[in-house]
Amino acid sequence: MILGGAIPISDLVKGLAFAVRAPVTDRTGLAGLFDVDLKYASPSTDLAAPSSDGVYVFTAVQEQLGLKLERDKGTLEVLVVDAITRPSPN
């Protein structure tokens, strides 16, 4: 469930990323604040199917918010640390 009053789309995106256990990118172009009451099933280990206790998050987003949440391959910025060295004492 994602519930909030007067939240920016960026907060909804963060909640959806947590729900689908993957990065989510906002491509809506929407600005401003929104009231959100999104109810969906708890994610199962198989993200392709809903759990038995409700609507799958992809379906819930479309039916309840009128938005479409799509799986897509894209670029993602990452920071890679090759090595780390402790500083020497003074």
PDB file of N, CA and C in Angstrom:
ATOM      1  N   MET A   1       0.843  -1.166   0.000  1.00  0.00           N
ATOM      2  CA  MET A   1       0.000   0.000   0.000  1.00  0.00           C
ATOM      3  C   MET A   1       0.893   1.235   0.000  1.00  0.00           C
ATOM      4  N   ILE A   2       0.531   2.198  -0.828  1.00  0.00           N
ATOM      5  CA  ILE A   2       1.180   3.505  -0.825  1.00  0.00           C
ATOM      6  C   ILE A   2       0.071   4.515  -0.575  1.00  0.00           C
ATOM      7  N   LEU A   3       0.209   5.257   0.498  1.00  0.00           N
ATOM      8  CA  LEU A   3      -0.818   6.204   0.911  1.00  0.00           C
ATOM      9  C   LEU A   3      -0.159   7.523   1.243  1.00  0.00           C
ATOM     10  N   GLY A   4      -0.661   8.598   0.689  1.00  0.00           N
ATOM     11  CA  GLY A   4      -0.092   9.896   1.004  1.00  0.00           C
ATOM     12  C   GLY A   4      -0.936  11.014   0.451  1.00  0.00           C
ATOM     13  N   GLY A   5      -0.907  12.130   1.144  1.00  0.00           N
ATOM     14  CA  GLY A   5      -1.617  13.323   0.695  1.00  0.00           C
ATOM     15  C   GLY A   5      -0.613  14.385   0.300  1.00  0.00           C
ATOM     16  N   ALA A   6      -0.860  15.011  -0.825  1.00  0.00           N
ATOM     17  CA  ALA A   6      -0.015  16.084  -1.340  1.00  0.00           C
ATOM     18  C   ALA A   6       1.443  15.651  -1.459  1.00  0.00           C
ATOM     19  N   ILE A   7       1.669  14.535  -2.170  1.00  0.00           N
ATOM     20  CA  ILE A   7       3.042  14.057  -2.363  1.00  0.00           C
ATOM     21  C   ILE A   7       3.457  14.278  -3.815  1.00  0.00           C
ATOM     22  N   PRO A   8       4.750  14.525  -4.035  1.00  0.00           N
ATOM     23  CA  PRO A   8       5.235  14.642  -5.419  1.00  0.00           C
ATOM     24  C   PRO A   8       5.356  13.254  -6.048  1.00  0.00           C
ATOM     25  N   ILE A   9       5.362  13.241  -7.372  1.00  0.00           N
ATOM     26  CA  ILE A   9       5.503  11.974  -8.091  1.00  0.00           C
ATOM     27  C   ILE A   9       6.779  11.253  -7.677  1.00  0.00           C
ATOM     28  N   SER A  10       7.830  11.991  -7.318  1.00  0.00           N
ATOM     29  CA  SER A  10       9.094  11.359  -6.916  1.00  0.00           C
ATOM     30  C   SER A  10       8.908  10.450  -5.703  1.00  0.00           C
ATOM     31  N   ASP A  11       8.016  10.821  -4.784  1.00  0.00           N
ATOM     32  CA  ASP A  11       7.742   9.959  -3.629  1.00  0.00           C
ATOM     33  C   ASP A  11       6.989   8.698  -4.041  1.00  0.00           C
ATOM     34  N   LEU A  12       6.063   8.845  -4.973  1.00  0.00           N
ATOM     35  CA  LEU A  12       5.349   7.675  -5.493  1.00  0.00           C
ATOM     36  C   LEU A  12       6.332   6.729  -6.174  1.00  0.00           C
ATOM     37  N   VAL A  13       7.257   7.274  -6.947  1.00  0.00           N
ATOM     38  CA  VAL A  13       8.259   6.469  -7.648  1.00  0.00           C
ATOM     39  C   VAL A  13       9.104   5.681  -6.649  1.00  0.00           C
ATOM     40  N   LYS A  14       9.501   6.315  -5.552  1.00  0.00           N
ATOM     41  CA  LYS A  14      10.282   5.619  -4.519  1.00  0.00           C
ATOM     42  C   LYS A  14       9.487   4.455  -3.931  1.00  0.00           C
ATOM     43  N   GLY A  15       8.214   4.672  -3.651  1.00  0.00           N
ATOM     44  CA  GLY A  15       7.363   3.608  -3.117  1.00  0.00           C
ATOM     45  C   GLY A  15       7.181   2.473  -4.098  1.00  0.00           C
ATOM     46  N   LEU A  16       7.028   2.805  -5.372  1.00  0.00           N
ATOM     47  CA  LEU A  16       6.870   1.771  -6.392  1.00  0.00           C
ATOM     48  C   LEU A  16       8.158   0.977  -6.570  1.00  0.00           C
ATOM     49  N   ALA A  17       9.301   1.650  -6.494  1.00  0.00           N
ATOM     50  CA  ALA A  17      10.583   0.952  -6.600  1.00  0.00           C
ATOM     51  C   ALA A  17      10.730  -0.066  -5.479  1.00  0.00           C
ATOM     52  N   PHE A  18      10.298   0.304  -4.295  1.00  0.00           N
ATOM     53  CA  PHE A  18      10.331  -0.629  -3.162  1.00  0.00           C
ATOM     54  C   PHE A  18       9.377  -1.795  -3.410  1.00  0.00           C
ATOM     55  N   ALA A  19       8.193  -1.500  -3.938  1.00  0.00           N
ATOM     56  CA  ALA A  19       7.183  -2.536  -4.164  1.00  0.00           C
ATOM     57  C   ALA A  19       7.610  -3.554  -5.207  1.00  0.00           C
ATOM     58  N   VAL A  20       8.254  -3.098  -6.269  1.00  0.00           N
ATOM     59  CA  VAL A  20       8.640  -4.026  -7.339  1.00  0.00           C
ATOM     60  C   VAL A  20      10.079  -4.514  -7.208  1.00  0.00           C
ATOM     61  N   ARG A  21      10.771  -4.022  -6.193  1.00  0.00           N
ATOM     62  CA  ARG A  21      12.159  -4.431  -5.923  1.00  0.00           C
ATOM     63  C   ARG A  21      13.066  -4.213  -7.130  1.00  0.00           C
ATOM     64  N   ALA A  22      12.874  -3.056  -7.775  1.00  0.00           N
ATOM     65  CA  ALA A  22      13.670  -2.704  -8.944  1.00  0.00           C
ATOM     66  C   ALA A  22      13.632  -1.187  -9.105  1.00  0.00           C
ATOM     67  N   PRO A  23      14.608  -0.632  -9.803  1.00  0.00           N
ATOM     68  CA  PRO A  23      14.571   0.809 -10.049  1.00  0.00           C
ATOM     69  C   PRO A  23      13.340   1.198 -10.864  1.00  0.00           C
ATOM     70  N   VAL A  24      12.764   2.350 -10.562  1.00  0.00           N
ATOM     71  CA  VAL A  24      11.612   2.873 -11.290  1.00  0.00           C
ATOM     72  C   VAL A  24      11.970   4.277 -11.747  1.00  0.00           C
ATOM     73  N   THR A  25      11.704   4.575 -13.019  1.00  0.00           N
ATOM     74  CA  THR A  25      11.985   5.884 -13.589  1.00  0.00           C
ATOM     75  C   THR A  25      10.681   6.592 -13.884  1.00  0.00           C
ATOM     76  N   ASP A  26      10.598   7.859 -13.497  1.00  0.00           N
ATOM     77  CA  ASP A  26       9.403   8.669 -13.756  1.00  0.00           C
ATOM     78  C   ASP A  26       9.474   9.231 -15.170  1.00  0.00           C
ATOM     79  N   ARG A  27       8.575   8.792 -16.017  1.00  0.00           N
ATOM     80  CA  ARG A  27       8.475   9.326 -17.381  1.00  0.00           C
ATOM     81  C   ARG A  27       7.119   9.982 -17.608  1.00  0.00           C
ATOM     82  N   THR A  28       6.418  10.342 -16.516  1.00  0.00           N
ATOM     83  CA  THR A  28       5.084  10.908 -16.642  1.00  0.00           C
ATOM     84  C   THR A  28       5.098  12.353 -17.095  1.00  0.00           C
ATOM     85  N   GLY A  29       6.115  13.107 -16.693  1.00  0.00           N
ATOM     86  CA  GLY A  29       6.138  14.530 -16.999  1.00  0.00           C
ATOM     87  C   GLY A  29       5.201  15.332 -16.109  1.00  0.00           C
ATOM     88  N   LEU A  30       4.631  14.673 -15.090  1.00  0.00           N
ATOM     89  CA  LEU A  30       3.696  15.354 -14.191  1.00  0.00           C
ATOM     90  C   LEU A  30       4.450  16.146 -13.129  1.00  0.00           C
ATOM     91  N   ALA A  31       3.946  17.323 -12.831  1.00  0.00           N
ATOM     92  CA  ALA A  31       4.517  18.155 -11.771  1.00  0.00           C
ATOM     93  C   ALA A  31       3.406  18.455 -10.771  1.00  0.00           C
ATOM     94  N   GLY A  32       3.787  18.860  -9.594  1.00  0.00           N
ATOM     95  CA  GLY A  32       2.796  19.198  -8.581  1.00  0.00           C
ATOM     96  C   GLY A  32       2.683  18.122  -7.531  1.00  0.00           C
ATOM     97  N   LEU A  33       1.668  18.267  -6.689  1.00  0.00           N
ATOM     98  CA  LEU A  33       1.438  17.341  -5.581  1.00  0.00           C
ATOM     99  C   LEU A  33       0.153  16.564  -5.817  1.00  0.00           C
ATOM    100  N   PHE A  34       0.149  15.316  -5.357  1.00  0.00           N
ATOM    101  CA  PHE A  34      -0.989  14.432  -5.617  1.00  0.00           C
ATOM    102  C   PHE A  34      -1.360  13.665  -4.355  1.00  0.00           C
ATOM    103  N   ASP A  35      -2.646  13.358  -4.213  1.00  0.00           N
ATOM    104  CA  ASP A  35      -3.120  12.467  -3.166  1.00  0.00           C
ATOM    105  C   ASP A  35      -3.091  11.056  -3.744  1.00  0.00           C
ATOM    106  N   VAL A  36      -2.459  10.133  -3.035  1.00  0.00           N
ATOM    107  CA  VAL A  36      -2.297   8.771  -3.538  1.00  0.00           C
ATOM    108  C   VAL A  36      -2.827   7.780  -2.505  1.00  0.00           C
ATOM    109  N   ASP A  37      -3.671   6.866  -2.963  1.00  0.00           N
ATOM    110  CA  ASP A  37      -4.162   5.761  -2.138  1.00  0.00           C
ATOM    111  C   ASP A  37      -4.111   4.522  -3.028  1.00  0.00           C
ATOM    112  N   LEU A  38      -2.966   3.843  -2.998  1.00  0.00           N
ATOM    113  CA  LEU A  38      -2.733   2.702  -3.876  1.00  0.00           C
ATOM    114  C   LEU A  38      -2.681   1.432  -3.046  1.00  0.00           C
ATOM    115  N   LYS A  39      -3.577   0.511  -3.345  1.00  0.00           N
ATOM    116  CA  LYS A  39      -3.622  -0.765  -2.623  1.00  0.00           C
ATOM    117  C   LYS A  39      -3.272  -1.880  -3.593  1.00  0.00           C
ATOM    118  N   TYR A  40      -2.333  -2.732  -3.186  1.00  0.00           N
ATOM    119  CA  TYR A  40      -1.886  -3.834  -4.034  1.00  0.00           C
ATOM    120  C   TYR A  40      -1.456  -4.996  -3.152  1.00  0.00           C
ATOM    121  N   ALA A  41      -1.274  -6.135  -3.776  1.00  0.00           N
ATOM    122  CA  ALA A  41      -0.861  -7.349  -3.066  1.00  0.00           C
ATOM    123  C   ALA A  41       0.575  -7.229  -2.600  1.00  0.00           C
ATOM    124  N   SER A  42       0.883  -7.876  -1.513  1.00  0.00           N
ATOM    125  CA  SER A  42       2.268  -7.971  -1.065  1.00  0.00           C
ATOM    126  C   SER A  42       3.054  -8.720  -2.125  1.00  0.00           C
ATOM    127  N   PRO A  43       4.245  -8.237  -2.454  1.00  0.00           N
ATOM    128  CA  PRO A  43       4.988  -8.926  -3.518  1.00  0.00           C
ATOM    129  C   PRO A  43       5.371 -10.338  -3.108  1.00  0.00           C
ATOM    130  N   SER A  44       5.241 -11.241  -4.055  1.00  0.00           N
ATOM    131  CA  SER A  44       5.681 -12.612  -3.822  1.00  0.00           C
ATOM    132  C   SER A  44       7.107 -12.730  -4.332  1.00  0.00           C
ATOM    133  N   THR A  45       7.694 -13.871  -4.186  1.00  0.00           N
ATOM    134  CA  THR A  45       9.043 -14.054  -4.713  1.00  0.00           C
ATOM    135  C   THR A  45       9.030 -14.087  -6.238  1.00  0.00           C
ATOM    136  N   ASP A  46       7.888 -14.419  -6.827  1.00  0.00           N
ATOM    137  CA  ASP A  46       7.730 -14.413  -8.275  1.00  0.00           C
ATOM    138  C   ASP A  46       7.025 -13.125  -8.668  1.00  0.00           C
ATOM    139  N   LEU A  47       7.773 -12.143  -9.192  1.00  0.00           N
ATOM    140  CA  LEU A  47       7.182 -10.853  -9.527  1.00  0.00           C
ATOM    141  C   LEU A  47       6.250 -10.923 -10.728  1.00  0.00           C
ATOM    142  N   ALA A  48       6.190 -12.048 -11.417  1.00  0.00           N
ATOM    143  CA  ALA A  48       5.314 -12.176 -12.570  1.00  0.00           C
ATOM    144  C   ALA A  48       3.875 -12.493 -12.167  1.00  0.00           C
ATOM    145  N   ALA A  49       3.646 -12.867 -10.918  1.00  0.00           N
ATOM    146  CA  ALA A  49       2.297 -13.241 -10.491  1.00  0.00           C
ATOM    147  C   ALA A  49       1.955 -12.573  -9.165  1.00  0.00           C
ATOM    148  N   PRO A  50       0.680 -12.227  -8.969  1.00  0.00           N
ATOM    149  CA  PRO A  50       0.289 -11.615  -7.703  1.00  0.00           C
ATOM    150  C   PRO A  50       0.205 -12.652  -6.597  1.00  0.00           C
ATOM    151  N   SER A  51       0.318 -12.189  -5.374  1.00  0.00           N
ATOM    152  CA  SER A  51       0.076 -13.094  -4.259  1.00  0.00           C
ATOM    153  C   SER A  51      -1.428 -13.277  -4.123  1.00  0.00           C
ATOM    154  N   SER A  52      -1.853 -14.178  -3.301  1.00  0.00           N
ATOM    155  CA  SER A  52      -3.272 -14.504  -3.204  1.00  0.00           C
ATOM    156  C   SER A  52      -4.085 -13.465  -2.445  1.00  0.00           C
ATOM    157  N   ASP A  53      -3.443 -12.426  -1.866  1.00  0.00           N
ATOM    158  CA  ASP A  53      -4.185 -11.485  -1.031  1.00  0.00           C
ATOM    159  C   ASP A  53      -4.584 -10.181  -1.717  1.00  0.00           C
ATOM    160  N   GLY A  54      -4.508 -10.091  -3.057  1.00  0.00           N
ATOM    161  CA  GLY A  54      -4.965  -8.865  -3.700  1.00  0.00           C
ATOM    162  C   GLY A  54      -4.457  -8.677  -5.109  1.00  0.00           C
ATOM    163  N   VAL A  55      -4.519  -7.436  -5.560  1.00  0.00           N
ATOM    164  CA  VAL A  55      -4.179  -7.059  -6.924  1.00  0.00           C
ATOM    165  C   VAL A  55      -2.670  -6.848  -7.049  1.00  0.00           C
ATOM    166  N   TYR A  56      -2.091  -7.315  -8.123  1.00  0.00           N
ATOM    167  CA  TYR A  56      -0.677  -7.141  -8.400  1.00  0.00           C
ATOM    168  C   TYR A  56      -0.384  -5.652  -8.604  1.00  0.00           C
ATOM    169  N   VAL A  57       0.790  -5.200  -8.195  1.00  0.00           N
ATOM    170  CA  VAL A  57       1.130  -3.780  -8.200  1.00  0.00           C
ATOM    171  C   VAL A  57       1.046  -3.168  -9.600  1.00  0.00           C
ATOM    172  N   PHE A  58       1.449  -3.884 -10.663  1.00  0.00           N
ATOM    173  CA  PHE A  58       1.374  -3.341 -12.015  1.00  0.00           C
ATOM    174  C   PHE A  58      -0.077  -3.063 -12.397  1.00  0.00           C
ATOM    175  N   THR A  59      -0.972  -3.975 -12.048  1.00  0.00           N
ATOM    176  CA  THR A  59      -2.397  -3.809 -12.331  1.00  0.00           C
ATOM    177  C   THR A  59      -2.985  -2.693 -11.474  1.00  0.00           C
ATOM    178  N   ALA A  60      -2.611  -2.643 -10.205  1.00  0.00           N
ATOM    179  CA  ALA A  60      -3.128  -1.626  -9.293  1.00  0.00           C
ATOM    180  C   ALA A  60      -2.766  -0.222  -9.765  1.00  0.00           C
ATOM    181  N   VAL A  61      -1.548  -0.021 -10.217  1.00  0.00           N
ATOM    182  CA  VAL A  61      -1.119   1.298 -10.692  1.00  0.00           C
ATOM    183  C   VAL A  61      -1.982   1.740 -11.866  1.00  0.00           C
ATOM    184  N   GLN A  62      -2.251   0.821 -12.777  1.00  0.00           N
ATOM    185  CA  GLN A  62      -3.048   1.172 -13.951  1.00  0.00           C
ATOM    186  C   GLN A  62      -4.517   1.400 -13.590  1.00  0.00           C
ATOM    187  N   GLU A  63      -5.102   0.522 -12.799  1.00  0.00           N
ATOM    188  CA  GLU A  63      -6.522   0.628 -12.478  1.00  0.00           C
ATOM    189  C   GLU A  63      -6.827   1.745 -11.485  1.00  0.00           C
ATOM    190  N   GLN A  64      -5.966   1.935 -10.494  1.00  0.00           N
ATOM    191  CA  GLN A  64      -6.264   2.888  -9.430  1.00  0.00           C
ATOM    192  C   GLN A  64      -5.704   4.286  -9.673  1.00  0.00           C
ATOM    193  N   LEU A  65      -4.602   4.393 -10.419  1.00  0.00           N
ATOM    194  CA  LEU A  65      -3.982   5.696 -10.639  1.00  0.00           C
ATOM    195  C   LEU A  65      -4.049   6.159 -12.092  1.00  0.00           C
ATOM    196  N   GLY A  66      -4.391   5.244 -12.999  1.00  0.00           N
ATOM    197  CA  GLY A  66      -4.439   5.601 -14.407  1.00  0.00           C
ATOM    198  C   GLY A  66      -3.057   5.765 -15.022  1.00  0.00           C
ATOM    199  N   LEU A  67      -2.051   5.194 -14.383  1.00  0.00           N
ATOM    200  CA  LEU A  67      -0.683   5.234 -14.891  1.00  0.00           C
ATOM    201  C   LEU A  67      -0.284   3.837 -15.330  1.00  0.00           C
ATOM    202  N   LYS A  68       0.750   3.746 -16.134  1.00  0.00           N
ATOM    203  CA  LYS A  68       1.202   2.440 -16.596  1.00  0.00           C
ATOM    204  C   LYS A  68       2.623   2.210 -16.105  1.00  0.00           C
ATOM    205  N   LEU A  69       2.828   1.122 -15.412  1.00  0.00           N
ATOM    206  CA  LEU A  69       4.136   0.724 -14.906  1.00  0.00           C
ATOM    207  C   LEU A  69       4.630  -0.399 -15.811  1.00  0.00           C
ATOM    208  N   GLU A  70       5.706  -0.121 -16.554  1.00  0.00           N
ATOM    209  CA  GLU A  70       6.211  -1.080 -17.524  1.00  0.00           C
ATOM    210  C   GLU A  70       7.618  -1.529 -17.177  1.00  0.00           C
ATOM    211  N   ARG A  71       7.900  -2.805 -17.448  1.00  0.00           N
ATOM    212  CA  ARG A  71       9.268  -3.310 -17.333  1.00  0.00           C
ATOM    213  C   ARG A  71      10.018  -2.845 -18.573  1.00  0.00           C
ATOM    214  N   ASP A  72      11.247  -2.391 -18.357  1.00  0.00           N
ATOM    215  CA  ASP A  72      12.035  -1.887 -19.470  1.00  0.00           C
ATOM    216  C   ASP A  72      13.507  -2.016 -19.118  1.00  0.00           C
ATOM    217  N   LYS A  73      14.320  -2.154 -20.110  1.00  0.00           N
ATOM    218  CA  LYS A  73      15.758  -2.146 -19.894  1.00  0.00           C
ATOM    219  C   LYS A  73      16.249  -0.744 -20.194  1.00  0.00           C
ATOM    220  N   GLY A  74      17.042  -0.215 -19.303  1.00  0.00           N
ATOM    221  CA  GLY A  74      17.566   1.123 -19.497  1.00  0.00           C
ATOM    222  C   GLY A  74      18.924   1.245 -18.852  1.00  0.00           C
ATOM    223  N   THR A  75      19.443   2.438 -18.873  1.00  0.00           N
ATOM    224  CA  THR A  75      20.732   2.670 -18.254  1.00  0.00           C
ATOM    225  C   THR A  75      20.538   3.043 -16.800  1.00  0.00           C
ATOM    226  N   LEU A  76      21.521   2.735 -16.003  1.00  0.00           N
ATOM    227  CA  LEU A  76      21.471   3.008 -14.574  1.00  0.00           C
ATOM    228  C   LEU A  76      22.862   3.429 -14.137  1.00  0.00           C
ATOM    229  N   GLU A  77      22.939   4.577 -13.486  1.00  0.00           N
ATOM    230  CA  GLU A  77      24.230   5.032 -12.993  1.00  0.00           C
ATOM    231  C   GLU A  77      24.596   4.250 -11.733  1.00  0.00           C
ATOM    232  N   VAL A  78      25.822   3.775 -11.697  1.00  0.00           N
ATOM    233  CA  VAL A  78      26.325   3.060 -10.530  1.00  0.00           C
ATOM    234  C   VAL A  78      27.710   3.583 -10.183  1.00  0.00           C
ATOM    235  N   LEU A  79      28.075   3.443  -8.944  1.00  0.00           N
ATOM    236  CA  LEU A  79      29.402   3.798  -8.475  1.00  0.00           C
ATOM    237  C   LEU A  79      30.105   2.511  -8.074  1.00  0.00           C
ATOM    238  N   VAL A  80      31.255   2.248  -8.672  1.00  0.00           N
ATOM    239  CA  VAL A  80      32.014   1.041  -8.387  1.00  0.00           C
ATOM    240  C   VAL A  80      33.268   1.431  -7.626  1.00  0.00           C
ATOM    241  N   VAL A  81      33.480   0.818  -6.477  1.00  0.00           N
ATOM    242  CA  VAL A  81      34.686   1.045  -5.684  1.00  0.00           C
ATOM    243  C   VAL A  81      35.576  -0.170  -5.896  1.00  0.00           C
ATOM    244  N   ASP A  82      36.716   0.049  -6.555  1.00  0.00           N
ATOM    245  CA  ASP A  82      37.640  -1.049  -6.847  1.00  0.00           C
ATOM    246  C   ASP A  82      38.457  -1.444  -5.627  1.00  0.00           C
ATOM    247  N   ALA A  83      38.864  -0.462  -4.837  1.00  0.00           N
ATOM    248  CA  ALA A  83      39.695  -0.738  -3.667  1.00  0.00           C
ATOM    249  C   ALA A  83      39.527   0.387  -2.655  1.00  0.00           C
ATOM    250  N   ILE A  84      39.877   0.085  -1.425  1.00  0.00           N
ATOM    251  CA  ILE A  84      39.825   1.074  -0.365  1.00  0.00           C
ATOM    252  C   ILE A  84      41.038   0.854   0.534  1.00  0.00           C
ATOM    253  N   THR A  85      41.645   1.937   0.946  1.00  0.00           N
ATOM    254  CA  THR A  85      42.831   1.874   1.809  1.00  0.00           C
ATOM    255  C   THR A  85      42.602   2.765   3.010  1.00  0.00           C
ATOM    256  N   ARG A  86      42.886   2.241   4.190  1.00  0.00           N
ATOM    257  CA  ARG A  86      42.760   3.056   5.401  1.00  0.00           C
ATOM    258  C   ARG A  86      43.834   4.126   5.403  1.00  0.00           C
ATOM    259  N   PRO A  87      43.500   5.316   5.896  1.00  0.00           N
ATOM    260  CA  PRO A  87      44.517   6.371   5.973  1.00  0.00           C
ATOM    261  C   PRO A  87      45.580   6.001   7.010  1.00  0.00           C
ATOM    262  N   SER A  88      46.790   6.433   6.765  1.00  0.00           N
ATOM    263  CA  SER A  88      47.863   6.159   7.724  1.00  0.00           C
ATOM    264  C   SER A  88      47.745   7.089   8.914  1.00  0.00           C
ATOM    265  N   PRO A  89      48.128   6.610  10.114  1.00  0.00           N
ATOM    266  CA  PRO A  89      48.037   7.472  11.294  1.00  0.00           C
ATOM    267  C   PRO A  89      49.031   8.636  11.183  1.00  0.00           C
ATOM    268  N   ASN A  90      48.692   9.742  11.825  1.00  0.00           N
ATOM    269  CA  ASN A  90      49.559  10.935  11.774  1.00  0.00           C
ATOM    270  C   ASN A  90      50.774  10.772  12.600  1.00  0.00           C
TER     271      ASN A  90
END
